[in-house]
Amino acid sequence: MATGTAASYPPPPPFYRLYSDYSTDPDSAPPPPPPVEGSYPLYGATYTTEAVLPSLEDQGVRQLYSKGPNIDFKKELMSLNRDLQLHILELADVLIERPSQYARRVEDISLILRNMHHLLNSLRPHQARATLIHILESQIQRRKQAVEDIKRRREEAQKLLKESIQILDSQ
């Protein structure tokens, strides 16, 4: 065991000197680096900045639902859900009768779950679009409500002004 003292935190990186005048002049700091475009390595794997869902075949997983651009997501998810329920029941039977043969059933369940997960992830753009539409519609509704509230208050103010003018004229 080594003896001696060691710092509990590492020293700051050398570029901290670039920010020495930040408290007096916030614009003196260098601009942030540009966003990464294309592919980049991270922890030994190569990633890409493109928002593309890789196919199951690219991931080395067998696809259990129909292929093609016109997938009925609801039908396929319900079918996979029924298969999942069946395989879970089969796993329970295998665990009771032949516990040493459970691995195959677990692999089948894992394959079904990966397919379901991939189908759900392929619906994310639709979900994002629907969420954005909902947010925009609620913003429009709030703004219409605010305009109506302003109109109502303006009419109340005009009514009060007319009443005040009538009271002043009558005196």
Protein backbone atom coordinates (compact mmCIF):
# COMPACT_ATOMS: atom_id res chain seq x y z
CA MET A 1 0.00 0.00 0.00
CA ALA A 2 1.38 3.38 -0.99
CA THR A 3 1.80 6.02 1.63
CA GLY A 4 1.45 9.74 1.15
CA THR A 5 -1.26 12.18 0.43
CA ALA A 6 -3.35 12.39 -2.66
CA ALA A 7 -5.73 15.08 -3.78
CA SER A 8 -9.36 14.14 -3.38
CA TYR A 9 -10.20 15.98 -6.60
CA PRO A 10 -8.08 16.26 -9.74
CA PRO A 11 -6.74 19.68 -10.69
CA PRO A 12 -8.85 21.76 -13.07
CA PRO A 13 -8.17 21.36 -16.78
CA PRO A 14 -5.69 23.84 -18.26
CA PHE A 15 -8.31 25.72 -20.29
CA TYR A 16 -9.86 27.17 -17.11
CA ARG A 17 -7.48 30.12 -17.60
CA LEU A 18 -9.55 31.12 -20.64
CA TYR A 19 -12.37 32.05 -18.25
CA SER A 20 -10.34 34.20 -15.85
CA ASP A 21 -12.14 37.45 -16.78
CA TYR A 22 -15.61 35.89 -16.91
CA SER A 23 -16.81 37.51 -13.68
CA THR A 24 -16.01 41.01 -14.97
CA ASP A 25 -16.69 40.41 -18.68
CA PRO A 26 -18.99 37.46 -19.48
CA ASP A 27 -18.29 37.90 -23.21
CA SER A 28 -14.58 37.12 -22.71
CA ALA A 29 -15.18 33.36 -22.58
CA PRO A 30 -14.55 31.47 -25.81
CA PRO A 31 -17.62 30.26 -27.67
CA PRO A 32 -18.72 26.65 -27.14
CA PRO A 33 -17.53 24.10 -29.65
CA PRO A 34 -19.77 23.44 -32.64
CA PRO A 35 -22.15 20.48 -32.41
CA VAL A 36 -20.84 17.15 -33.62
CA GLU A 37 -22.04 16.19 -37.10
CA GLY A 38 -21.98 12.68 -38.55
CA SER A 39 -20.46 9.76 -36.70
CA TYR A 40 -18.24 9.83 -33.63
CA PRO A 41 -16.56 7.25 -31.40
CA LEU A 42 -17.66 6.91 -27.78
CA TYR A 43 -16.48 4.23 -25.35
CA GLY A 44 -15.27 1.99 -28.15
CA ALA A 45 -18.48 2.14 -30.20
CA THR A 46 -19.29 4.36 -33.16
CA TYR A 47 -22.43 6.46 -32.92
CA THR A 48 -24.10 8.82 -35.35
CA THR A 49 -25.96 12.08 -34.85
CA GLU A 50 -28.62 11.08 -37.36
CA ALA A 51 -31.94 10.25 -35.71
CA VAL A 52 -32.46 6.98 -37.55
CA LEU A 53 -33.86 3.92 -35.83
CA PRO A 54 -31.71 0.96 -36.86
CA SER A 55 -33.60 -2.05 -38.13
CA LEU A 56 -33.80 -5.20 -36.07
CA GLU A 57 -31.64 -7.03 -38.63
CA ASP A 58 -28.92 -4.38 -38.18
CA GLN A 59 -29.03 -5.14 -34.47
CA GLY A 60 -28.82 -8.89 -35.06
CA VAL A 61 -32.38 -9.58 -33.90
CA ARG A 62 -34.94 -11.60 -35.85
CA GLN A 63 -38.01 -9.56 -36.79
CA LEU A 64 -41.28 -11.23 -35.80
CA TYR A 65 -43.74 -8.78 -37.33
CA SER A 66 -44.46 -8.04 -40.98
CA LYS A 67 -41.98 -5.96 -42.96
CA GLY A 68 -42.76 -3.06 -45.20
CA PRO A 69 -43.71 0.59 -45.02
CA ASN A 70 -47.40 0.02 -44.19
CA ILE A 71 -47.26 -1.70 -40.81
CA ASP A 72 -50.44 -1.91 -38.75
CA PHE A 73 -48.80 -1.11 -35.42
CA LYS A 74 -51.86 -1.85 -33.31
CA LYS A 75 -52.41 -5.27 -34.90
CA GLU A 76 -48.73 -6.21 -34.68
CA LEU A 77 -48.40 -5.08 -31.06
CA MET A 78 -51.52 -6.99 -30.06
CA SER A 79 -50.20 -10.10 -31.83
CA LEU A 80 -46.82 -9.80 -30.12
CA ASN A 81 -48.57 -9.25 -26.78
CA ARG A 82 -50.58 -12.46 -27.24
CA ASP A 83 -47.37 -14.31 -28.15
CA LEU A 84 -45.69 -12.87 -25.07
CA GLN A 85 -48.50 -14.05 -22.82
CA LEU A 86 -48.36 -17.53 -24.36
CA HIS A 87 -44.58 -17.75 -23.94
CA ILE A 88 -44.80 -16.60 -20.32
CA LEU A 89 -47.33 -19.36 -19.61
CA GLU A 90 -45.08 -21.87 -21.38
CA LEU A 91 -42.16 -20.64 -19.27
CA ALA A 92 -44.18 -21.24 -16.11
CA ASP A 93 -44.99 -24.78 -17.28
CA VAL A 94 -41.34 -25.46 -18.15
CA LEU A 95 -40.18 -24.13 -14.78
CA ILE A 96 -42.57 -26.51 -13.05
CA GLU A 97 -41.98 -29.63 -15.16
CA ARG A 98 -38.45 -29.25 -16.63
CA PRO A 99 -36.61 -26.41 -14.84
CA SER A 100 -33.35 -27.07 -16.64
CA GLN A 101 -34.90 -26.16 -20.03
CA TYR A 102 -36.00 -22.62 -19.19
CA ALA A 103 -33.27 -20.81 -21.21
CA ARG A 104 -34.97 -21.30 -24.60
CA ARG A 105 -38.26 -19.85 -23.30
CA VAL A 106 -36.45 -16.84 -21.80
CA GLU A 107 -34.73 -16.22 -25.16
CA ASP A 108 -38.10 -16.35 -26.93
CA ILE A 109 -39.59 -13.88 -24.45
CA SER A 110 -36.58 -11.61 -24.89
CA LEU A 111 -36.99 -11.73 -28.69
CA ILE A 112 -40.69 -10.81 -28.43
CA LEU A 113 -39.94 -7.94 -26.04
CA ARG A 114 -37.22 -6.58 -28.33
CA ASN A 115 -39.63 -6.65 -31.26
CA MET A 116 -42.29 -4.85 -29.22
CA HIS A 117 -39.72 -2.30 -28.07
CA HIS A 118 -38.62 -1.69 -31.67
CA LEU A 119 -42.22 -1.23 -32.83
CA LEU A 120 -42.87 1.25 -30.04
CA ASN A 121 -39.68 3.16 -30.80
CA SER A 122 -40.68 3.42 -34.45
CA LEU A 123 -43.84 5.23 -33.25
CA ARG A 124 -41.81 7.93 -31.46
CA PRO A 125 -41.86 10.42 -34.39
CA HIS A 126 -45.65 10.12 -34.57
CA GLN A 127 -45.87 10.60 -30.81
CA ALA A 128 -43.62 13.67 -30.95
CA ARG A 129 -45.71 15.15 -33.78
CA ALA A 130 -48.97 14.52 -31.89
CA THR A 131 -47.51 16.01 -28.71
CA LEU A 132 -46.39 19.11 -30.60
CA ILE A 133 -49.83 19.49 -32.19
CA HIS A 134 -51.44 19.18 -28.76
CA ILE A 135 -49.09 21.80 -27.26
CA LEU A 136 -49.72 24.22 -30.13
CA GLU A 137 -53.49 23.75 -29.90
CA SER A 138 -53.45 24.39 -26.16
CA GLN A 139 -51.32 27.53 -26.70
CA ILE A 140 -53.81 28.78 -29.29
CA GLN A 141 -56.68 28.06 -26.91
CA ARG A 142 -54.94 29.93 -24.06
CA ARG A 143 -54.27 32.92 -26.32
CA LYS A 144 -57.87 32.99 -27.53
CA GLN A 145 -58.99 32.85 -23.90
CA ALA A 146 -56.62 35.71 -23.03
CA VAL A 147 -57.96 37.82 -25.94
CA GLU A 148 -61.53 37.17 -24.83
CA ASP A 149 -60.60 38.12 -21.27
CA ILE A 150 -58.99 41.36 -22.48
CA LYS A 151 -62.08 42.19 -24.59
CA ARG A 152 -64.38 41.53 -21.63
CA ARG A 153 -62.28 43.71 -19.31
CA ARG A 154 -62.11 46.47 -21.94
CA GLU A 155 -65.91 46.45 -22.20
CA GLU A 156 -66.20 46.59 -18.42
CA ALA A 157 -63.76 49.52 -18.32
CA GLN A 158 -65.70 51.35 -21.07
CA LYS A 159 -68.94 50.77 -19.17
CA LEU A 160 -67.39 52.16 -15.99
CA LEU A 161 -66.06 55.18 -17.90
CA LYS A 162 -69.51 55.86 -19.39
CA GLU A 163 -71.11 55.58 -15.96
CA SER A 164 -68.47 57.91 -14.51
CA ILE A 165 -69.02 60.45 -17.28
CA GLN A 166 -72.81 60.31 -16.72
CA ILE A 167 -72.32 60.81 -12.97
CA LEU A 168 -70.00 63.78 -13.58
CA ASP A 169 -72.40 65.30 -16.13
CA SER A 170 -75.36 64.99 -13.77
CA GLN A 171 -73.60 66.93 -11.01
